Amino acid sequence: MTIVVLLGVLLLVIAGCVCVVWAARGGPRWVRVVATATIAAGELVSRSDKRRHQGDVQE
């Protein structure tokens, strides 16, 4: 079951990346919406990762 979930997440990530590239080349509106959502999700993950690593730093 875990493999199926991970494969589903992988397919969503790949589809999001394809939409980002397609939107950069002037794709239809729905592609631009998916690309915007993909970029926003990437920003959220990046910010949460930075916050988590800031807590690890000890002086």
PDB file of N, CA and C in Angstrom:
ATOM      1  N   MET A   1       0.829  -1.199   0.000  1.00  0.00           N
ATOM      2  CA  MET A   1       0.000   0.000   0.000  1.00  0.00           C
ATOM      3  C   MET A   1       0.868   1.255   0.000  1.00  0.00           C
ATOM      4  N   THR A   2       1.954   1.216   0.768  1.00  0.00           N
ATOM      5  CA  THR A   2       2.856   2.366   0.840  1.00  0.00           C
ATOM      6  C   THR A   2       3.469   2.661  -0.526  1.00  0.00           C
ATOM      7  N   ILE A   3       3.788   1.618  -1.257  1.00  0.00           N
ATOM      8  CA  ILE A   3       4.372   1.789  -2.590  1.00  0.00           C
ATOM      9  C   ILE A   3       3.389   2.515  -3.504  1.00  0.00           C
ATOM     10  N   VAL A   4       2.132   2.167  -3.420  1.00  0.00           N
ATOM     11  CA  VAL A   4       1.113   2.792  -4.265  1.00  0.00           C
ATOM     12  C   VAL A   4       0.994   4.280  -3.950  1.00  0.00           C
ATOM     13  N   VAL A   5       1.013   4.624  -2.667  1.00  0.00           N
ATOM     14  CA  VAL A   5       0.923   6.027  -2.260  1.00  0.00           C
ATOM     15  C   VAL A   5       2.150   6.798  -2.747  1.00  0.00           C
ATOM     16  N   LEU A   6       3.333   6.211  -2.567  1.00  0.00           N
ATOM     17  CA  LEU A   6       4.552   6.875  -3.016  1.00  0.00           C
ATOM     18  C   LEU A   6       4.586   7.042  -4.534  1.00  0.00           C
ATOM     19  N   LEU A   7       4.119   6.054  -5.257  1.00  0.00           N
ATOM     20  CA  LEU A   7       4.045   6.180  -6.712  1.00  0.00           C
ATOM     21  C   LEU A   7       3.060   7.272  -7.123  1.00  0.00           C
ATOM     22  N   GLY A   8       1.947   7.375  -6.410  1.00  0.00           N
ATOM     23  CA  GLY A   8       0.978   8.432  -6.689  1.00  0.00           C
ATOM     24  C   GLY A   8       1.568   9.812  -6.454  1.00  0.00           C
ATOM     25  N   VAL A   9       2.298   9.970  -5.361  1.00  0.00           N
ATOM     26  CA  VAL A   9       2.948  11.248  -5.074  1.00  0.00           C
ATOM     27  C   VAL A   9       3.999  11.554  -6.137  1.00  0.00           C
ATOM     28  N   LEU A  10       4.769  10.561  -6.527  1.00  0.00           N
ATOM     29  CA  LEU A  10       5.774  10.747  -7.570  1.00  0.00           C
ATOM     30  C   LEU A  10       5.142  11.175  -8.886  1.00  0.00           C
ATOM     31  N   LEU A  11       4.037  10.560  -9.247  1.00  0.00           N
ATOM     32  CA  LEU A  11       3.347  10.942 -10.485  1.00  0.00           C
ATOM     33  C   LEU A  11       2.818  12.378 -10.419  1.00  0.00           C
ATOM     34  N   LEU A  12       2.314  12.779  -9.250  1.00  0.00           N
ATOM     35  CA  LEU A  12       1.849  14.160  -9.093  1.00  0.00           C
ATOM     36  C   LEU A  12       2.998  15.154  -9.220  1.00  0.00           C
ATOM     37  N   VAL A  13       4.136  14.820  -8.651  1.00  0.00           N
ATOM     38  CA  VAL A  13       5.302  15.700  -8.742  1.00  0.00           C
ATOM     39  C   VAL A  13       5.769  15.817 -10.195  1.00  0.00           C
ATOM     40  N   ILE A  14       5.847  14.711 -10.884  1.00  0.00           N
ATOM     41  CA  ILE A  14       6.270  14.733 -12.287  1.00  0.00           C
ATOM     42  C   ILE A  14       5.286  15.532 -13.130  1.00  0.00           C
ATOM     43  N   ALA A  15       3.993  15.314 -12.919  1.00  0.00           N
ATOM     44  CA  ALA A  15       2.980  16.057 -13.669  1.00  0.00           C
ATOM     45  C   ALA A  15       3.073  17.555 -13.376  1.00  0.00           C
ATOM     46  N   GLY A  16       3.338  17.917 -12.126  1.00  0.00           N
ATOM     47  CA  GLY A  16       3.498  19.326 -11.770  1.00  0.00           C
ATOM     48  C   GLY A  16       4.685  19.944 -12.475  1.00  0.00           C
ATOM     49  N   CYS A  17       5.787  19.215 -12.520  1.00  0.00           N
ATOM     50  CA  CYS A  17       6.983  19.729 -13.214  1.00  0.00           C
ATOM     51  C   CYS A  17       6.735  19.898 -14.708  1.00  0.00           C
ATOM     52  N   VAL A  18       6.036  18.956 -15.290  1.00  0.00           N
ATOM     53  CA  VAL A  18       5.693  19.065 -16.708  1.00  0.00           C
ATOM     54  C   VAL A  18       4.823  20.296 -16.943  1.00  0.00           C
ATOM     55  N   CYS A  19       3.889  20.545 -16.049  1.00  0.00           N
ATOM     56  CA  CYS A  19       3.021  21.718 -16.197  1.00  0.00           C
ATOM     57  C   CYS A  19       3.802  23.019 -16.046  1.00  0.00           C
ATOM     58  N   VAL A  20       4.801  23.045 -15.171  1.00  0.00           N
ATOM     59  CA  VAL A  20       5.616  24.254 -15.014  1.00  0.00           C
ATOM     60  C   VAL A  20       6.359  24.558 -16.314  1.00  0.00           C
ATOM     61  N   VAL A  21       6.944  23.540 -16.914  1.00  0.00           N
ATOM     62  CA  VAL A  21       7.668  23.735 -18.172  1.00  0.00           C
ATOM     63  C   VAL A  21       6.705  24.142 -19.286  1.00  0.00           C
ATOM     64  N   TRP A  22       5.563  23.468 -19.355  1.00  0.00           N
ATOM     65  CA  TRP A  22       4.578  23.764 -20.394  1.00  0.00           C
ATOM     66  C   TRP A  22       4.034  25.190 -20.233  1.00  0.00           C
ATOM     67  N   ALA A  23       3.777  25.600 -18.998  1.00  0.00           N
ATOM     68  CA  ALA A  23       3.266  26.948 -18.744  1.00  0.00           C
ATOM     69  C   ALA A  23       4.294  28.002 -19.132  1.00  0.00           C
ATOM     70  N   ALA A  24       5.574  27.705 -18.935  1.00  0.00           N
ATOM     71  CA  ALA A  24       6.626  28.647 -19.320  1.00  0.00           C
ATOM     72  C   ALA A  24       6.642  28.852 -20.836  1.00  0.00           C
ATOM     73  N   ARG A  25       6.159  27.870 -21.557  1.00  0.00           N
ATOM     74  CA  ARG A  25       6.116  27.967 -23.019  1.00  0.00           C
ATOM     75  C   ARG A  25       4.755  28.439 -23.531  1.00  0.00           C
ATOM     76  N   GLY A  26       3.878  28.852 -22.595  1.00  0.00           N
ATOM     77  CA  GLY A  26       2.594  29.424 -23.004  1.00  0.00           C
ATOM     78  C   GLY A  26       1.476  28.420 -23.139  1.00  0.00           C
ATOM     79  N   GLY A  27       1.357  27.511 -22.218  1.00  0.00           N
ATOM     80  CA  GLY A  27       0.305  26.496 -22.269  1.00  0.00           C
ATOM     81  C   GLY A  27      -1.063  27.075 -21.954  1.00  0.00           C
ATOM     82  N   PRO A  28      -2.076  26.233 -21.983  1.00  0.00           N
ATOM     83  CA  PRO A  28      -3.433  26.688 -21.682  1.00  0.00           C
ATOM     84  C   PRO A  28      -3.579  27.135 -20.224  1.00  0.00           C
ATOM     85  N   ARG A  29      -4.715  27.731 -19.924  1.00  0.00           N
ATOM     86  CA  ARG A  29      -4.935  28.316 -18.598  1.00  0.00           C
ATOM     87  C   ARG A  29      -4.823  27.280 -17.477  1.00  0.00           C
ATOM     88  N   TRP A  30      -5.399  26.084 -17.667  1.00  0.00           N
ATOM     89  CA  TRP A  30      -5.368  25.093 -16.595  1.00  0.00           C
ATOM     90  C   TRP A  30      -3.942  24.657 -16.281  1.00  0.00           C
ATOM     91  N   VAL A  31      -3.066  24.681 -17.287  1.00  0.00           N
ATOM     92  CA  VAL A  31      -1.665  24.327 -17.067  1.00  0.00           C
ATOM     93  C   VAL A  31      -0.985  25.405 -16.232  1.00  0.00           C
ATOM     94  N   ARG A  32      -1.313  26.655 -16.502  1.00  0.00           N
ATOM     95  CA  ARG A  32      -0.728  27.752 -15.721  1.00  0.00           C
ATOM     96  C   ARG A  32      -1.206  27.696 -14.270  1.00  0.00           C
ATOM     97  N   VAL A  33      -2.451  27.295 -14.058  1.00  0.00           N
ATOM     98  CA  VAL A  33      -2.981  27.171 -12.690  1.00  0.00           C
ATOM     99  C   VAL A  33      -2.250  26.048 -11.947  1.00  0.00           C
ATOM    100  N   VAL A  34      -2.091  24.913 -12.593  1.00  0.00           N
ATOM    101  CA  VAL A  34      -1.384  23.788 -11.967  1.00  0.00           C
ATOM    102  C   VAL A  34       0.076  24.154 -11.714  1.00  0.00           C
ATOM    103  N   ALA A  35       0.699  24.857 -12.646  1.00  0.00           N
ATOM    104  CA  ALA A  35       2.091  25.276 -12.471  1.00  0.00           C
ATOM    105  C   ALA A  35       2.222  26.224 -11.288  1.00  0.00           C
ATOM    106  N   THR A  36       1.287  27.146 -11.140  1.00  0.00           N
ATOM    107  CA  THR A  36       1.316  28.073 -10.010  1.00  0.00           C
ATOM    108  C   THR A  36       1.167  27.320  -8.694  1.00  0.00           C
ATOM    109  N   ALA A  37       0.270  26.354  -8.654  1.00  0.00           N
ATOM    110  CA  ALA A  37       0.087  25.545  -7.441  1.00  0.00           C
ATOM    111  C   ALA A  37       1.336  24.722  -7.132  1.00  0.00           C
ATOM    112  N   THR A  38       1.976  24.206  -8.158  1.00  0.00           N
ATOM    113  CA  THR A  38       3.191  23.415  -7.964  1.00  0.00           C
ATOM    114  C   THR A  38       4.315  24.277  -7.405  1.00  0.00           C
ATOM    115  N   ILE A  39       4.481  25.460  -7.958  1.00  0.00           N
ATOM    116  CA  ILE A  39       5.526  26.365  -7.482  1.00  0.00           C
ATOM    117  C   ILE A  39       5.239  26.797  -6.043  1.00  0.00           C
ATOM    118  N   ALA A  40       3.976  27.083  -5.731  1.00  0.00           N
ATOM    119  CA  ALA A  40       3.609  27.480  -4.371  1.00  0.00           C
ATOM    120  C   ALA A  40       3.876  26.342  -3.381  1.00  0.00           C
ATOM    121  N   ALA A  41       3.563  25.120  -3.764  1.00  0.00           N
ATOM    122  CA  ALA A  41       3.824  23.970  -2.889  1.00  0.00           C
ATOM    123  C   ALA A  41       5.319  23.796  -2.671  1.00  0.00           C
ATOM    124  N   GLY A  42       6.110  23.998  -3.701  1.00  0.00           N
ATOM    125  CA  GLY A  42       7.559  23.917  -3.565  1.00  0.00           C
ATOM    126  C   GLY A  42       8.107  24.970  -2.625  1.00  0.00           C
ATOM    127  N   GLU A  43       7.552  26.177  -2.704  1.00  0.00           N
ATOM    128  CA  GLU A  43       7.973  27.251  -1.797  1.00  0.00           C
ATOM    129  C   GLU A  43       7.632  26.908  -0.344  1.00  0.00           C
ATOM    130  N   LEU A  44       6.454  26.348  -0.126  1.00  0.00           N
ATOM    131  CA  LEU A  44       6.061  25.957   1.234  1.00  0.00           C
ATOM    132  C   LEU A  44       6.991  24.892   1.797  1.00  0.00           C
ATOM    133  N   VAL A  45       7.324  23.915   1.001  1.00  0.00           N
ATOM    134  CA  VAL A  45       8.220  22.852   1.450  1.00  0.00           C
ATOM    135  C   VAL A  45       9.596  23.427   1.748  1.00  0.00           C
ATOM    136  N   SER A  46      10.064  24.318   0.896  1.00  0.00           N
ATOM    137  CA  SER A  46      11.375  24.924   1.097  1.00  0.00           C
ATOM    138  C   SER A  46      11.411  25.753   2.378  1.00  0.00           C
ATOM    139  N   ARG A  47      10.378  26.521   2.628  1.00  0.00           N
ATOM    140  CA  ARG A  47      10.331  27.349   3.834  1.00  0.00           C
ATOM    141  C   ARG A  47      10.257  26.497   5.094  1.00  0.00           C
ATOM    142  N   SER A  48       9.465  25.442   5.062  1.00  0.00           N
ATOM    143  CA  SER A  48       9.361  24.588   6.251  1.00  0.00           C
ATOM    144  C   SER A  48      10.679  23.874   6.517  1.00  0.00           C
ATOM    145  N   ASP A  49      11.397  23.518   5.466  1.00  0.00           N
ATOM    146  CA  ASP A  49      12.692  22.864   5.619  1.00  0.00           C
ATOM    147  C   ASP A  49      13.702  23.829   6.231  1.00  0.00           C
ATOM    148  N   LYS A  50      13.679  25.084   5.806  1.00  0.00           N
ATOM    149  CA  LYS A  50      14.593  26.079   6.369  1.00  0.00           C
ATOM    150  C   LYS A  50      14.287  26.314   7.841  1.00  0.00           C
ATOM    151  N   ARG A  51      13.020  26.392   8.197  1.00  0.00           N
ATOM    152  CA  ARG A  51      12.642  26.596   9.599  1.00  0.00           C
ATOM    153  C   ARG A  51      13.087  25.424  10.467  1.00  0.00           C
ATOM    154  N   ARG A  52      12.945  24.230   9.944  1.00  0.00           N
ATOM    155  CA  ARG A  52      13.319  23.042  10.704  1.00  0.00           C
ATOM    156  C   ARG A  52      14.825  23.017  10.946  1.00  0.00           C
ATOM    157  N   HIS A  53      15.612  23.400   9.936  1.00  0.00           N
ATOM    158  CA  HIS A  53      17.058  23.394  10.083  1.00  0.00           C
ATOM    159  C   HIS A  53      17.562  24.540  10.951  1.00  0.00           C
ATOM    160  N   GLN A  54      16.838  25.636  11.037  1.00  0.00           N
ATOM    161  CA  GLN A  54      17.237  26.730  11.911  1.00  0.00           C
ATOM    162  C   GLN A  54      17.164  26.314  13.373  1.00  0.00           C
ATOM    163  N   GLY A  55      16.230  25.446  13.707  1.00  0.00           N
ATOM    164  CA  GLY A  55      16.103  24.962  15.062  1.00  0.00           C
ATOM    165  C   GLY A  55      17.209  23.994  15.448  1.00  0.00           C
ATOM    166  N   ASP A  56      17.885  23.394  14.454  1.00  0.00           N
ATOM    167  CA  ASP A  56      18.951  22.445  14.719  1.00  0.00           C
ATOM    168  C   ASP A  56      20.255  23.117  15.109  1.00  0.00           C
ATOM    169  N   VAL A  57      20.432  24.382  14.772  1.00  0.00           N
ATOM    170  CA  VAL A  57      21.681  25.093  15.024  1.00  0.00           C
ATOM    171  C   VAL A  57      21.787  25.421  16.501  1.00  0.00           C
ATOM    172  N   GLN A  58      22.892  24.971  17.116  1.00  0.00           N
ATOM    173  CA  GLN A  58      23.125  25.252  18.524  1.00  0.00           C
ATOM    174  C   GLN A  58      24.487  25.909  18.673  1.00  0.00           C
ATOM    175  N   GLU A  59      24.536  26.921  19.539  1.00  0.00           N
ATOM    176  CA  GLU A  59      25.813  27.610  19.747  1.00  0.00           C
ATOM    177  C   GLU A  59      26.419  27.217  21.062  1.00  0.00           C
TER     178      GLU A  59
END
